[in-house]
């Protein structure tokens, strides 16, 4: 999945001063943990665990759930660490990413590469041996797609990077289902679609806020190469698709009325917010006056609450 870290507010001079000092063992550990991008992993786990509730039609087996989450975390950490290795040149030029470990020379690039590969091997073997090999294969496929297809090809070459690159971020839904059932079904495919359609507007609104960063790094994010109106209009289309896809889970998975009720309320809130963004464009607002981060934060809450509703509803089926 293609998600984000919080911008550092530390002035460049302060960062250089702190990086020049010797680092303790604790600082080194923190640097390696930072390579895995824990905030992104949190959002991936938010989509994994509720699907396991849905697959089990209640509480999933504890041992399966723990192992899926632990080794899924290692897999996501591997992909993120390898992404940091690949993007170390552009991370140093962007305000949003210049505090990452490789941009600050806290971790040697070769060490970051080895670290990412080791995590990937451990996660694949762990899922295969402790959960099942379908979950392991899906996890490995997501890792390879994010690193080889998104990070190395799509990100720097096309404005549709996060549309197709976001496929990797949808995979935890399938992994969670496969972890419990050892197979796939239409219900996780629907939720896969929800995350797929949700990703572009979520990422584009963040990119609107940091458009100058992406332009300086020569990353062709849609807000860099298109007008703000076009970005907002495409965000509206994808948001409508997200909401409509979310409602498909009701008939496909046979949920109670709780889930569609929550999905309708959450979807209406997101649609209201994205259409308000269009209203600000029509009023002539530009740049920070558009307040794109407002929708970005709303979309985070939307996804978390929607998947929470999936878990709660599954208990009462």
C-alpha atoms as a PDB file:
ATOM      1  CA  UNK A   1       0.000   0.000   0.000  1.00  0.00           C
ATOM      2  CA  UNK A   2       1.370   3.650  -0.792  1.00  0.00           C
ATOM      3  CA  UNK A   3       0.988   5.647   2.559  1.00  0.00           C
ATOM      4  CA  UNK A   4       3.029   8.463   4.375  1.00  0.00           C
ATOM      5  CA  UNK A   5       5.163   9.748   7.269  1.00  0.00           C
ATOM      6  CA  UNK A   6       4.700  12.968   9.202  1.00  0.00           C
ATOM      7  CA  UNK A   7       6.732  15.963   8.067  1.00  0.00           C
ATOM      8  CA  UNK A   8       9.664  16.949  10.264  1.00  0.00           C
ATOM      9  CA  UNK A   9       9.621  20.500  11.551  1.00  0.00           C
ATOM     10  CA  UNK A  10      13.313  20.516  12.480  1.00  0.00           C
ATOM     11  CA  UNK A  11      15.314  23.185  10.603  1.00  0.00           C
ATOM     12  CA  UNK A  12      17.986  21.805   8.236  1.00  0.00           C
ATOM     13  CA  UNK A  13      20.792  23.248  10.332  1.00  0.00           C
ATOM     14  CA  UNK A  14      19.559  21.520  13.448  1.00  0.00           C
ATOM     15  CA  UNK A  15      19.389  18.183  11.618  1.00  0.00           C
ATOM     16  CA  UNK A  16      22.958  18.554  10.407  1.00  0.00           C
ATOM     17  CA  UNK A  17      24.171  19.422  13.892  1.00  0.00           C
ATOM     18  CA  UNK A  18      22.481  16.425  15.492  1.00  0.00           C
ATOM     19  CA  UNK A  19      23.678  14.049  12.770  1.00  0.00           C
ATOM     20  CA  UNK A  20      27.280  15.079  13.334  1.00  0.00           C
ATOM     21  CA  UNK A  21      27.297  13.736  16.888  1.00  0.00           C
ATOM     22  CA  UNK A  22      28.136  10.103  17.800  1.00  0.00           C
ATOM     23  CA  UNK A  23      25.130   7.757  17.959  1.00  0.00           C
ATOM     24  CA  UNK A  24      24.392   5.432  20.851  1.00  0.00           C
ATOM     25  CA  UNK A  25      23.163   1.853  20.489  1.00  0.00           C
ATOM     26  CA  UNK A  26      19.660   3.078  21.239  1.00  0.00           C
ATOM     27  CA  UNK A  27      19.887   5.666  18.447  1.00  0.00           C
ATOM     28  CA  UNK A  28      21.021   2.958  16.045  1.00  0.00           C
ATOM     29  CA  UNK A  29      18.083   0.721  16.973  1.00  0.00           C
ATOM     30  CA  UNK A  30      15.685   3.630  16.493  1.00  0.00           C
ATOM     31  CA  UNK A  31      17.203   4.323  13.084  1.00  0.00           C
ATOM     32  CA  UNK A  32      16.633   0.753  11.902  1.00  0.00           C
ATOM     33  CA  UNK A  33      13.093   0.790  13.264  1.00  0.00           C
ATOM     34  CA  UNK A  34      12.500   4.062  11.410  1.00  0.00           C
ATOM     35  CA  UNK A  35      13.584   2.370   8.172  1.00  0.00           C
ATOM     36  CA  UNK A  36      10.497   0.138   8.452  1.00  0.00           C
ATOM     37  CA  UNK A  37       8.161   3.195   8.592  1.00  0.00           C
ATOM     38  CA  UNK A  38       6.055   2.104  11.592  1.00  0.00           C
ATOM     39  CA  UNK A  39       3.274   4.609  10.872  1.00  0.00           C
ATOM     40  CA  UNK A  40       2.637   2.980   7.501  1.00  0.00           C
ATOM     41  CA  UNK A  41       2.689  -0.484   9.070  1.00  0.00           C
ATOM     42  CA  UNK A  42       0.011   0.614  11.534  1.00  0.00           C
ATOM     43  CA  UNK A  43      -2.383   1.358   8.683  1.00  0.00           C
ATOM     44  CA  UNK A  44      -1.599  -1.954   6.993  1.00  0.00           C
ATOM     45  CA  UNK A  45      -2.415  -3.840  10.203  1.00  0.00           C
ATOM     46  CA  UNK A  46      -5.683  -1.908  10.479  1.00  0.00           C
ATOM     47  CA  UNK A  47      -6.805  -3.601   7.269  1.00  0.00           C
ATOM     48  CA  UNK A  48      -5.363  -7.047   8.061  1.00  0.00           C
ATOM     49  CA  UNK A  49      -6.873  -7.907  11.445  1.00  0.00           C
ATOM     50  CA  UNK A  50     -10.522  -6.986  10.738  1.00  0.00           C
ATOM     51  CA  UNK A  51     -10.497  -9.167   7.622  1.00  0.00           C
ATOM     52  CA  UNK A  52      -9.367 -12.059   9.803  1.00  0.00           C
ATOM     53  CA  UNK A  53     -12.451 -11.486  11.971  1.00  0.00           C
ATOM     54  CA  UNK A  54     -14.578 -11.528   8.818  1.00  0.00           C
ATOM     55  CA  UNK A  55     -12.954 -14.723   7.551  1.00  0.00           C
ATOM     56  CA  UNK A  56     -13.473 -16.450  10.906  1.00  0.00           C
ATOM     57  CA  UNK A  57     -16.989 -15.027  11.354  1.00  0.00           C
ATOM     58  CA  UNK A  58     -15.923 -13.995  14.820  1.00  0.00           C
ATOM     59  CA  UNK A  59     -12.672 -14.185  16.721  1.00  0.00           C
ATOM     60  CA  UNK A  60      -9.903 -15.661  14.556  1.00  0.00           C
ATOM     61  CA  UNK A  61      -7.610 -18.347  16.032  1.00  0.00           C
ATOM     62  CA  UNK A  62      -5.235 -16.464  18.323  1.00  0.00           C
ATOM     63  CA  UNK A  63      -2.047 -18.200  17.165  1.00  0.00           C
ATOM     64  CA  UNK A  64      -2.876 -17.627  13.485  1.00  0.00           C
ATOM     65  CA  UNK A  65      -3.755 -13.980  14.116  1.00  0.00           C
ATOM     66  CA  UNK A  66      -0.573 -13.281  16.090  1.00  0.00           C
ATOM     67  CA  UNK A  67       1.693 -14.933  13.548  1.00  0.00           C
ATOM     68  CA  UNK A  68      -0.010 -13.248  10.609  1.00  0.00           C
ATOM     69  CA  UNK A  69       0.377  -9.833  12.237  1.00  0.00           C
ATOM     70  CA  UNK A  70       3.961 -10.405  13.406  1.00  0.00           C
ATOM     71  CA  UNK A  71       5.292 -11.752  10.132  1.00  0.00           C
ATOM     72  CA  UNK A  72       3.100  -9.379   8.140  1.00  0.00           C
ATOM     73  CA  UNK A  73       4.753  -6.552  10.055  1.00  0.00           C
ATOM     74  CA  UNK A  74       8.179  -7.900   9.117  1.00  0.00           C
ATOM     75  CA  UNK A  75       7.126  -8.125   5.467  1.00  0.00           C
ATOM     76  CA  UNK A  76       5.885  -4.542   5.392  1.00  0.00           C
ATOM     77  CA  UNK A  77       9.014  -3.439   7.238  1.00  0.00           C
ATOM     78  CA  UNK A  78      11.122  -5.177   4.623  1.00  0.00           C
ATOM     79  CA  UNK A  79       9.360  -3.422   1.750  1.00  0.00           C
ATOM     80  CA  UNK A  80       9.642  -0.051   3.473  1.00  0.00           C
ATOM     81  CA  UNK A  81      13.334  -0.486   4.299  1.00  0.00           C
ATOM     82  CA  UNK A  82      14.091  -1.451   0.701  1.00  0.00           C
ATOM     83  CA  UNK A  83      12.059   1.539  -0.476  1.00  0.00           C
ATOM     84  CA  UNK A  84      14.206   3.784   1.744  1.00  0.00           C
ATOM     85  CA  UNK A  85      17.302   2.274   0.121  1.00  0.00           C
ATOM     86  CA  UNK A  86      15.996   2.919  -3.384  1.00  0.00           C
ATOM     87  CA  UNK A  87      14.690   6.418  -2.611  1.00  0.00           C
ATOM     88  CA  UNK A  88      17.637   7.614  -0.534  1.00  0.00           C
ATOM     89  CA  UNK A  89      18.607  10.156  -3.202  1.00  0.00           C
ATOM     90  CA  UNK A  90      15.207  11.843  -3.382  1.00  0.00           C
ATOM     91  CA  UNK A  91      14.456  11.517   0.345  1.00  0.00           C
ATOM     92  CA  UNK A  92      17.339  13.883   1.095  1.00  0.00           C
ATOM     93  CA  UNK A  93      15.798  16.580  -1.118  1.00  0.00           C
ATOM     94  CA  UNK A  94      12.255  16.543   0.275  1.00  0.00           C
ATOM     95  CA  UNK A  95      11.131  18.276   3.464  1.00  0.00           C
ATOM     96  CA  UNK A  96       8.732  15.448   4.249  1.00  0.00           C
ATOM     97  CA  UNK A  97      11.393  12.737   4.068  1.00  0.00           C
ATOM     98  CA  UNK A  98      14.734  14.373   4.813  1.00  0.00           C
ATOM     99  CA  UNK A  99      14.666  13.105   8.421  1.00  0.00           C
ATOM    100  CA  UNK A 100      14.665   9.473   7.320  1.00  0.00           C
ATOM    101  CA  UNK A 101      17.708   7.431   8.451  1.00  0.00           C
ATOM    102  CA  UNK A 102      19.448   7.125   5.084  1.00  0.00           C
ATOM    103  CA  UNK A 103      18.888  10.786   4.257  1.00  0.00           C
ATOM    104  CA  UNK A 104      20.652  11.654   7.539  1.00  0.00           C
ATOM    105  CA  UNK A 105      23.405   9.040   7.139  1.00  0.00           C
ATOM    106  CA  UNK A 106      22.313   7.255  10.306  1.00  0.00           C
ATOM    107  CA  UNK A 107      22.435   3.867   8.572  1.00  0.00           C
ATOM    108  CA  UNK A 108      24.865   2.861   5.789  1.00  0.00           C
ATOM    109  CA  UNK A 109      22.936   2.134   2.545  1.00  0.00           C
ATOM    110  CA  UNK A 110      24.373  -1.389   2.254  1.00  0.00           C
ATOM    111  CA  UNK A 111      23.236  -2.172   5.790  1.00  0.00           C
ATOM    112  CA  UNK A 112      19.731  -0.928   4.988  1.00  0.00           C
ATOM    113  CA  UNK A 113      19.622  -3.151   1.899  1.00  0.00           C
ATOM    114  CA  UNK A 114      20.742  -6.227   3.858  1.00  0.00           C
ATOM    115  CA  UNK A 115      18.321  -5.397   6.675  1.00  0.00           C
ATOM    116  CA  UNK A 116      15.407  -5.183   4.240  1.00  0.00           C
ATOM    117  CA  UNK A 117      16.281  -8.456   2.538  1.00  0.00           C
ATOM    118  CA  UNK A 118      16.649 -10.287   5.869  1.00  0.00           C
ATOM    119  CA  UNK A 119      13.258  -9.043   7.041  1.00  0.00           C
ATOM    120  CA  UNK A 120      11.717 -10.191   3.756  1.00  0.00           C
ATOM    121  CA  UNK A 121      13.186 -13.693   4.057  1.00  0.00           C
ATOM    122  CA  UNK A 122      12.159 -14.034   7.707  1.00  0.00           C
ATOM    123  CA  UNK A 123       8.615 -12.828   7.000  1.00  0.00           C
ATOM    124  CA  UNK A 124       8.091 -15.189   4.080  1.00  0.00           C
ATOM    125  CA  UNK A 125       9.426 -18.231   5.929  1.00  0.00           C
ATOM    126  CA  UNK A 126       7.542 -17.277   9.088  1.00  0.00           C
ATOM    127  CA  UNK A 127       4.203 -16.922   7.312  1.00  0.00           C
ATOM    128  CA  UNK A 128       4.754 -20.115   5.355  1.00  0.00           C
ATOM    129  CA  UNK A 129       5.748 -22.245   8.334  1.00  0.00           C
ATOM    130  CA  UNK A 130       3.533 -20.700  11.028  1.00  0.00           C
ATOM    131  CA  UNK A 131       0.437 -19.705   9.004  1.00  0.00           C
ATOM    132  CA  UNK A 132       0.239 -21.114   5.456  1.00  0.00           C
ATOM    133  CA  UNK A 133       2.078 -20.822   2.177  1.00  0.00           C
ATOM    134  CA  UNK A 134      -0.735 -18.974   0.396  1.00  0.00           C
ATOM    135  CA  UNK A 135      -0.435 -16.123   2.877  1.00  0.00           C
ATOM    136  CA  UNK A 136       3.352 -16.271   2.525  1.00  0.00           C
ATOM    137  CA  UNK A 137       3.163 -16.148  -1.269  1.00  0.00           C
ATOM    138  CA  UNK A 138       0.773 -13.178  -1.236  1.00  0.00           C
ATOM    139  CA  UNK A 139       3.032 -11.358   1.210  1.00  0.00           C
ATOM    140  CA  UNK A 140       6.128 -11.982  -0.902  1.00  0.00           C
ATOM    141  CA  UNK A 141       4.273 -10.858  -4.039  1.00  0.00           C
ATOM    142  CA  UNK A 142       3.233  -7.610  -2.328  1.00  0.00           C
ATOM    143  CA  UNK A 143       6.804  -6.989  -1.168  1.00  0.00           C
ATOM    144  CA  UNK A 144       8.303  -7.591  -4.614  1.00  0.00           C
ATOM    145  CA  UNK A 145       5.653  -5.506  -6.359  1.00  0.00           C
ATOM    146  CA  UNK A 146       6.178  -2.545  -4.031  1.00  0.00           C
ATOM    147  CA  UNK A 147       9.953  -2.658  -4.350  1.00  0.00           C
ATOM    148  CA  UNK A 148      10.502  -3.689  -7.969  1.00  0.00           C
ATOM    149  CA  UNK A 149       7.437  -2.290  -9.731  1.00  0.00           C
ATOM    150  CA  UNK A 150       6.399   0.737  -7.696  1.00  0.00           C
ATOM    151  CA  UNK A 151       9.653   1.980  -6.166  1.00  0.00           C
ATOM    152  CA  UNK A 152      11.962   1.190  -9.079  1.00  0.00           C
ATOM    153  CA  UNK A 153       9.678   1.771 -12.082  1.00  0.00           C
ATOM    154  CA  UNK A 154       6.341   3.504 -11.536  1.00  0.00           C
ATOM    155  CA  UNK A 155       7.179   6.112  -8.924  1.00  0.00           C
ATOM    156  CA  UNK A 156       9.626   8.111 -11.036  1.00  0.00           C
ATOM    157  CA  UNK A 157       8.026   7.547 -14.445  1.00  0.00           C
ATOM    158  CA  UNK A 158       4.270   8.081 -14.382  1.00  0.00           C
ATOM    159  CA  UNK A 159       1.633  10.233 -12.702  1.00  0.00           C
ATOM    160  CA  UNK A 160      -0.378   7.039 -12.243  1.00  0.00           C
ATOM    161  CA  UNK A 161       2.302   5.733  -9.872  1.00  0.00           C
ATOM    162  CA  UNK A 162       0.138   5.557  -6.774  1.00  0.00           C
ATOM    163  CA  UNK A 163      -2.842   4.151  -8.667  1.00  0.00           C
ATOM    164  CA  UNK A 164      -1.085   0.953  -9.719  1.00  0.00           C
ATOM    165  CA  UNK A 165       1.626   1.055  -7.076  1.00  0.00           C
ATOM    166  CA  UNK A 166      -1.142   1.071  -4.495  1.00  0.00           C
ATOM    167  CA  UNK A 167      -1.894  -2.557  -5.347  1.00  0.00           C
ATOM    168  CA  UNK A 168       0.814  -3.557  -2.885  1.00  0.00           C
ATOM    169  CA  UNK A 169      -0.996  -1.752  -0.084  1.00  0.00           C
ATOM    170  CA  UNK A 170      -4.189  -3.704  -0.855  1.00  0.00           C
ATOM    171  CA  UNK A 171      -2.554  -7.096  -0.330  1.00  0.00           C
ATOM    172  CA  UNK A 172      -2.828  -7.249   3.500  1.00  0.00           C
ATOM    173  CA  UNK A 173      -6.575  -7.720   3.007  1.00  0.00           C
ATOM    174  CA  UNK A 174      -5.982 -10.890   1.000  1.00  0.00           C
ATOM    175  CA  UNK A 175      -3.194 -12.022   3.330  1.00  0.00           C
ATOM    176  CA  UNK A 176      -5.413 -11.727   6.398  1.00  0.00           C
ATOM    177  CA  UNK A 177      -8.195 -13.753   4.775  1.00  0.00           C
ATOM    178  CA  UNK A 178      -5.781 -16.379   3.464  1.00  0.00           C
ATOM    179  CA  UNK A 179      -4.163 -16.644   6.890  1.00  0.00           C
ATOM    180  CA  UNK A 180      -7.441 -17.793   8.428  1.00  0.00           C
ATOM    181  CA  UNK A 181      -9.010 -19.806   5.592  1.00  0.00           C
ATOM    182  CA  UNK A 182      -6.057 -20.943   3.484  1.00  0.00           C
ATOM    183  CA  UNK A 183      -7.984 -19.757   0.426  1.00  0.00           C
ATOM    184  CA  UNK A 184      -9.461 -16.622  -1.176  1.00  0.00           C
ATOM    185  CA  UNK A 185     -13.044 -15.507  -1.739  1.00  0.00           C
ATOM    186  CA  UNK A 186     -15.054 -12.567  -3.074  1.00  0.00           C
ATOM    187  CA  UNK A 187     -15.367 -10.803   0.299  1.00  0.00           C
ATOM    188  CA  UNK A 188     -11.645  -9.992   0.593  1.00  0.00           C
ATOM    189  CA  UNK A 189     -11.614  -9.048  -3.104  1.00  0.00           C
ATOM    190  CA  UNK A 190     -14.271  -6.413  -2.381  1.00  0.00           C
ATOM    191  CA  UNK A 191     -12.211  -4.996   0.487  1.00  0.00           C
ATOM    192  CA  UNK A 192      -9.139  -5.157  -1.743  1.00  0.00           C
ATOM    193  CA  UNK A 193     -11.100  -2.905  -4.110  1.00  0.00           C
ATOM    194  CA  UNK A 194     -11.966  -0.511  -1.298  1.00  0.00           C
ATOM    195  CA  UNK A 195      -8.298   0.018  -0.443  1.00  0.00           C
ATOM    196  CA  UNK A 196      -7.381   0.236  -4.147  1.00  0.00           C
ATOM    197  CA  UNK A 197      -9.872   3.049  -4.857  1.00  0.00           C
ATOM    198  CA  UNK A 198      -9.132   4.774  -1.527  1.00  0.00           C
ATOM    199  CA  UNK A 199      -5.380   5.045  -2.124  1.00  0.00           C
ATOM    200  CA  UNK A 200      -5.166   7.616  -4.987  1.00  0.00           C
ATOM    201  CA  UNK A 201      -7.219  10.455  -3.445  1.00  0.00           C
ATOM    202  CA  UNK A 202      -5.620   9.817  -0.060  1.00  0.00           C
ATOM    203  CA  UNK A 203      -2.132  10.115  -1.528  1.00  0.00           C
ATOM    204  CA  UNK A 204      -2.906  12.884  -4.018  1.00  0.00           C
ATOM    205  CA  UNK A 205      -4.212  15.241  -1.347  1.00  0.00           C
ATOM    206  CA  UNK A 206      -0.979  14.759   0.597  1.00  0.00           C
ATOM    207  CA  UNK A 207       0.973  15.369  -2.608  1.00  0.00           C
ATOM    208  CA  UNK A 208      -0.980  18.599  -3.141  1.00  0.00           C
ATOM    209  CA  UNK A 209       0.367  19.816   0.185  1.00  0.00           C
ATOM    210  CA  UNK A 210       3.949  18.878  -0.709  1.00  0.00           C
ATOM    211  CA  UNK A 211       3.803  19.514  -4.447  1.00  0.00           C
ATOM    212  CA  UNK A 212       6.999  21.579  -4.433  1.00  0.00           C
ATOM    213  CA  UNK A 213       8.860  18.725  -2.734  1.00  0.00           C
ATOM    214  CA  UNK A 214       7.824  16.214  -5.363  1.00  0.00           C
ATOM    215  CA  UNK A 215       8.587  18.662  -8.163  1.00  0.00           C
ATOM    216  CA  UNK A 216      12.079  19.308  -6.773  1.00  0.00           C
ATOM    217  CA  UNK A 217      12.684  15.548  -6.566  1.00  0.00           C
ATOM    218  CA  UNK A 218      11.328  15.112 -10.121  1.00  0.00           C
ATOM    219  CA  UNK A 219       8.606  12.707  -8.993  1.00  0.00           C
ATOM    220  CA  UNK A 220       5.643  13.051 -11.413  1.00  0.00           C
ATOM    221  CA  UNK A 221       2.872  12.851  -8.851  1.00  0.00           C
ATOM    222  CA  UNK A 222      -0.462  13.906 -10.354  1.00  0.00           C
ATOM    223  CA  UNK A 223      -0.559  17.254  -8.458  1.00  0.00           C
ATOM    224  CA  UNK A 224       2.856  18.082  -9.962  1.00  0.00           C
ATOM    225  CA  UNK A 225       1.844  17.499 -13.590  1.00  0.00           C
ATOM    226  CA  UNK A 226      -1.876  18.368 -13.528  1.00  0.00           C
ATOM    227  CA  UNK A 227      -4.049  21.280 -12.448  1.00  0.00           C
ATOM    228  CA  UNK A 228      -5.564  21.326  -8.984  1.00  0.00           C
ATOM    229  CA  UNK A 229      -9.027  21.052 -10.530  1.00  0.00           C
ATOM    230  CA  UNK A 230      -8.099  17.853 -12.348  1.00  0.00           C
ATOM    231  CA  UNK A 231      -6.587  16.358  -9.186  1.00  0.00           C
ATOM    232  CA  UNK A 232      -9.714  17.136  -7.183  1.00  0.00           C
ATOM    233  CA  UNK A 233     -12.067  15.845  -9.896  1.00  0.00           C
ATOM    234  CA  UNK A 234     -10.160  12.568 -10.123  1.00  0.00           C
ATOM    235  CA  UNK A 235     -10.155  12.352  -6.331  1.00  0.00           C
ATOM    236  CA  UNK A 236     -13.934  12.703  -6.376  1.00  0.00           C
ATOM    237  CA  UNK A 237     -14.278   9.856  -8.882  1.00  0.00           C
ATOM    238  CA  UNK A 238     -12.079   7.563  -6.811  1.00  0.00           C
ATOM    239  CA  UNK A 239     -13.856   8.501  -3.582  1.00  0.00           C
ATOM    240  CA  UNK A 240     -17.242   7.645  -5.084  1.00  0.00           C
ATOM    241  CA  UNK A 241     -15.779   4.343  -6.279  1.00  0.00           C
ATOM    242  CA  UNK A 242     -14.444   3.674  -2.769  1.00  0.00           C
ATOM    243  CA  UNK A 243     -17.821   4.242  -1.137  1.00  0.00           C
ATOM    244  CA  UNK A 244     -19.783   2.212  -3.689  1.00  0.00           C
ATOM    245  CA  UNK A 245     -17.286  -0.643  -3.468  1.00  0.00           C
ATOM    246  CA  UNK A 246     -17.504  -0.612   0.324  1.00  0.00           C
ATOM    247  CA  UNK A 247     -21.274  -1.164   0.141  1.00  0.00           C
ATOM    248  CA  UNK A 248     -20.793  -4.297  -1.970  1.00  0.00           C
ATOM    249  CA  UNK A 249     -19.484  -6.119   1.087  1.00  0.00           C
ATOM    250  CA  UNK A 250     -22.991  -6.197   2.575  1.00  0.00           C
ATOM    251  CA  UNK A 251     -24.498  -8.611  -0.002  1.00  0.00           C
ATOM    252  CA  UNK A 252     -21.236 -10.376  -0.845  1.00  0.00           C
ATOM    253  CA  UNK A 253     -20.226 -11.234   2.736  1.00  0.00           C
ATOM    254  CA  UNK A 254     -23.722 -11.346   4.231  1.00  0.00           C
ATOM    255  CA  UNK A 255     -23.007  -8.803   6.963  1.00  0.00           C
ATOM    256  CA  UNK A 256     -25.570  -7.511   9.420  1.00  0.00           C
ATOM    257  CA  UNK A 257     -27.131  -4.083   8.915  1.00  0.00           C
ATOM    258  CA  UNK A 258     -24.491  -2.581  11.193  1.00  0.00           C
ATOM    259  CA  UNK A 259     -21.792  -2.609   8.536  1.00  0.00           C
ATOM    260  CA  UNK A 260     -23.712  -0.932   5.667  1.00  0.00           C
ATOM    261  CA  UNK A 261     -25.082   1.682   8.090  1.00  0.00           C
ATOM    262  CA  UNK A 262     -21.574   2.602   9.227  1.00  0.00           C
ATOM    263  CA  UNK A 263     -20.265   2.447   5.648  1.00  0.00           C
ATOM    264  CA  UNK A 264     -22.977   4.855   4.482  1.00  0.00           C
ATOM    265  CA  UNK A 265     -22.264   7.384   7.233  1.00  0.00           C
ATOM    266  CA  UNK A 266     -18.504   7.232   6.776  1.00  0.00           C
ATOM    267  CA  UNK A 267     -18.832   7.353   2.997  1.00  0.00           C
ATOM    268  CA  UNK A 268     -21.150  10.354   3.149  1.00  0.00           C
ATOM    269  CA  UNK A 269     -18.639  12.201   5.359  1.00  0.00           C
ATOM    270  CA  UNK A 270     -15.774  11.500   2.932  1.00  0.00           C
ATOM    271  CA  UNK A 271     -17.843  12.508  -0.088  1.00  0.00           C
ATOM    272  CA  UNK A 272     -18.899  15.702   1.642  1.00  0.00           C
ATOM    273  CA  UNK A 273     -15.290  16.563   2.369  1.00  0.00           C
ATOM    274  CA  UNK A 274     -13.965  15.850  -1.120  1.00  0.00           C
ATOM    275  CA  UNK A 275     -16.809  17.862  -2.689  1.00  0.00           C
ATOM    276  CA  UNK A 276     -15.986  20.717  -0.313  1.00  0.00           C
ATOM    277  CA  UNK A 277     -12.485  20.561  -1.743  1.00  0.00           C
ATOM    278  CA  UNK A 278     -13.970  21.047  -5.211  1.00  0.00           C
ATOM    279  CA  UNK A 279     -15.980  23.965  -3.871  1.00  0.00           C
ATOM    280  CA  UNK A 280     -12.794  25.653  -2.698  1.00  0.00           C
ATOM    281  CA  UNK A 281     -11.264  25.123  -6.149  1.00  0.00           C
ATOM    282  CA  UNK A 282     -14.345  26.676  -7.766  1.00  0.00           C
ATOM    283  CA  UNK A 283     -14.037  29.611  -5.367  1.00  0.00           C
ATOM    284  CA  UNK A 284     -10.550  30.300  -6.700  1.00  0.00           C
ATOM    285  CA  UNK A 285      -8.621  28.895  -3.741  1.00  0.00           C
ATOM    286  CA  UNK A 286      -5.173  27.504  -4.498  1.00  0.00           C
ATOM    287  CA  UNK A 287      -2.227  25.961  -2.663  1.00  0.00           C
ATOM    288  CA  UNK A 288      -2.570  25.729   1.111  1.00  0.00           C
ATOM    289  CA  UNK A 289      -5.863  27.658   0.934  1.00  0.00           C
ATOM    290  CA  UNK A 290      -7.398  24.540  -0.592  1.00  0.00           C
ATOM    291  CA  UNK A 291      -6.733  22.719   2.698  1.00  0.00           C
ATOM    292  CA  UNK A 292      -6.073  19.344   1.034  1.00  0.00           C
ATOM    293  CA  UNK A 293      -4.727  17.882   4.277  1.00  0.00           C
ATOM    294  CA  UNK A 294      -8.207  18.092   5.737  1.00  0.00           C
ATOM    295  CA  UNK A 295      -9.387  15.411   3.308  1.00  0.00           C
ATOM    296  CA  UNK A 296      -6.166  13.446   3.828  1.00  0.00           C
ATOM    297  CA  UNK A 297      -6.851  13.151   7.562  1.00  0.00           C
ATOM    298  CA  UNK A 298     -10.533  12.368   6.946  1.00  0.00           C
ATOM    299  CA  UNK A 299      -9.571   9.548   4.600  1.00  0.00           C
ATOM    300  CA  UNK A 300      -7.293   8.044   7.261  1.00  0.00           C
ATOM    301  CA  UNK A 301     -10.161   8.030   9.745  1.00  0.00           C
ATOM    302  CA  UNK A 302     -12.522   6.632   7.110  1.00  0.00           C
ATOM    303  CA  UNK A 303     -10.417   3.569   6.399  1.00  0.00           C
ATOM    304  CA  UNK A 304      -9.711   2.815  10.055  1.00  0.00           C
ATOM    305  CA  UNK A 305     -13.360   3.124  11.114  1.00  0.00           C
ATOM    306  CA  UNK A 306     -14.676   1.201   8.112  1.00  0.00           C
ATOM    307  CA  UNK A 307     -12.454  -1.794   8.870  1.00  0.00           C
ATOM    308  CA  UNK A 308     -13.300  -1.534  12.557  1.00  0.00           C
ATOM    309  CA  UNK A 309     -16.949  -1.864  11.513  1.00  0.00           C
ATOM    310  CA  UNK A 310     -16.005  -5.003   9.535  1.00  0.00           C
ATOM    311  CA  UNK A 311     -14.499  -6.565  12.674  1.00  0.00           C
ATOM    312  CA  UNK A 312     -17.364  -5.610  14.987  1.00  0.00           C
ATOM    313  CA  UNK A 313     -20.021  -6.725  12.514  1.00  0.00           C
ATOM    314  CA  UNK A 314     -18.300 -10.105  12.115  1.00  0.00           C
ATOM    315  CA  UNK A 315     -18.724 -10.813  15.815  1.00  0.00           C
ATOM    316  CA  UNK A 316     -22.511 -10.474  15.551  1.00  0.00           C
ATOM    317  CA  UNK A 317     -23.052 -12.462  12.336  1.00  0.00           C
END
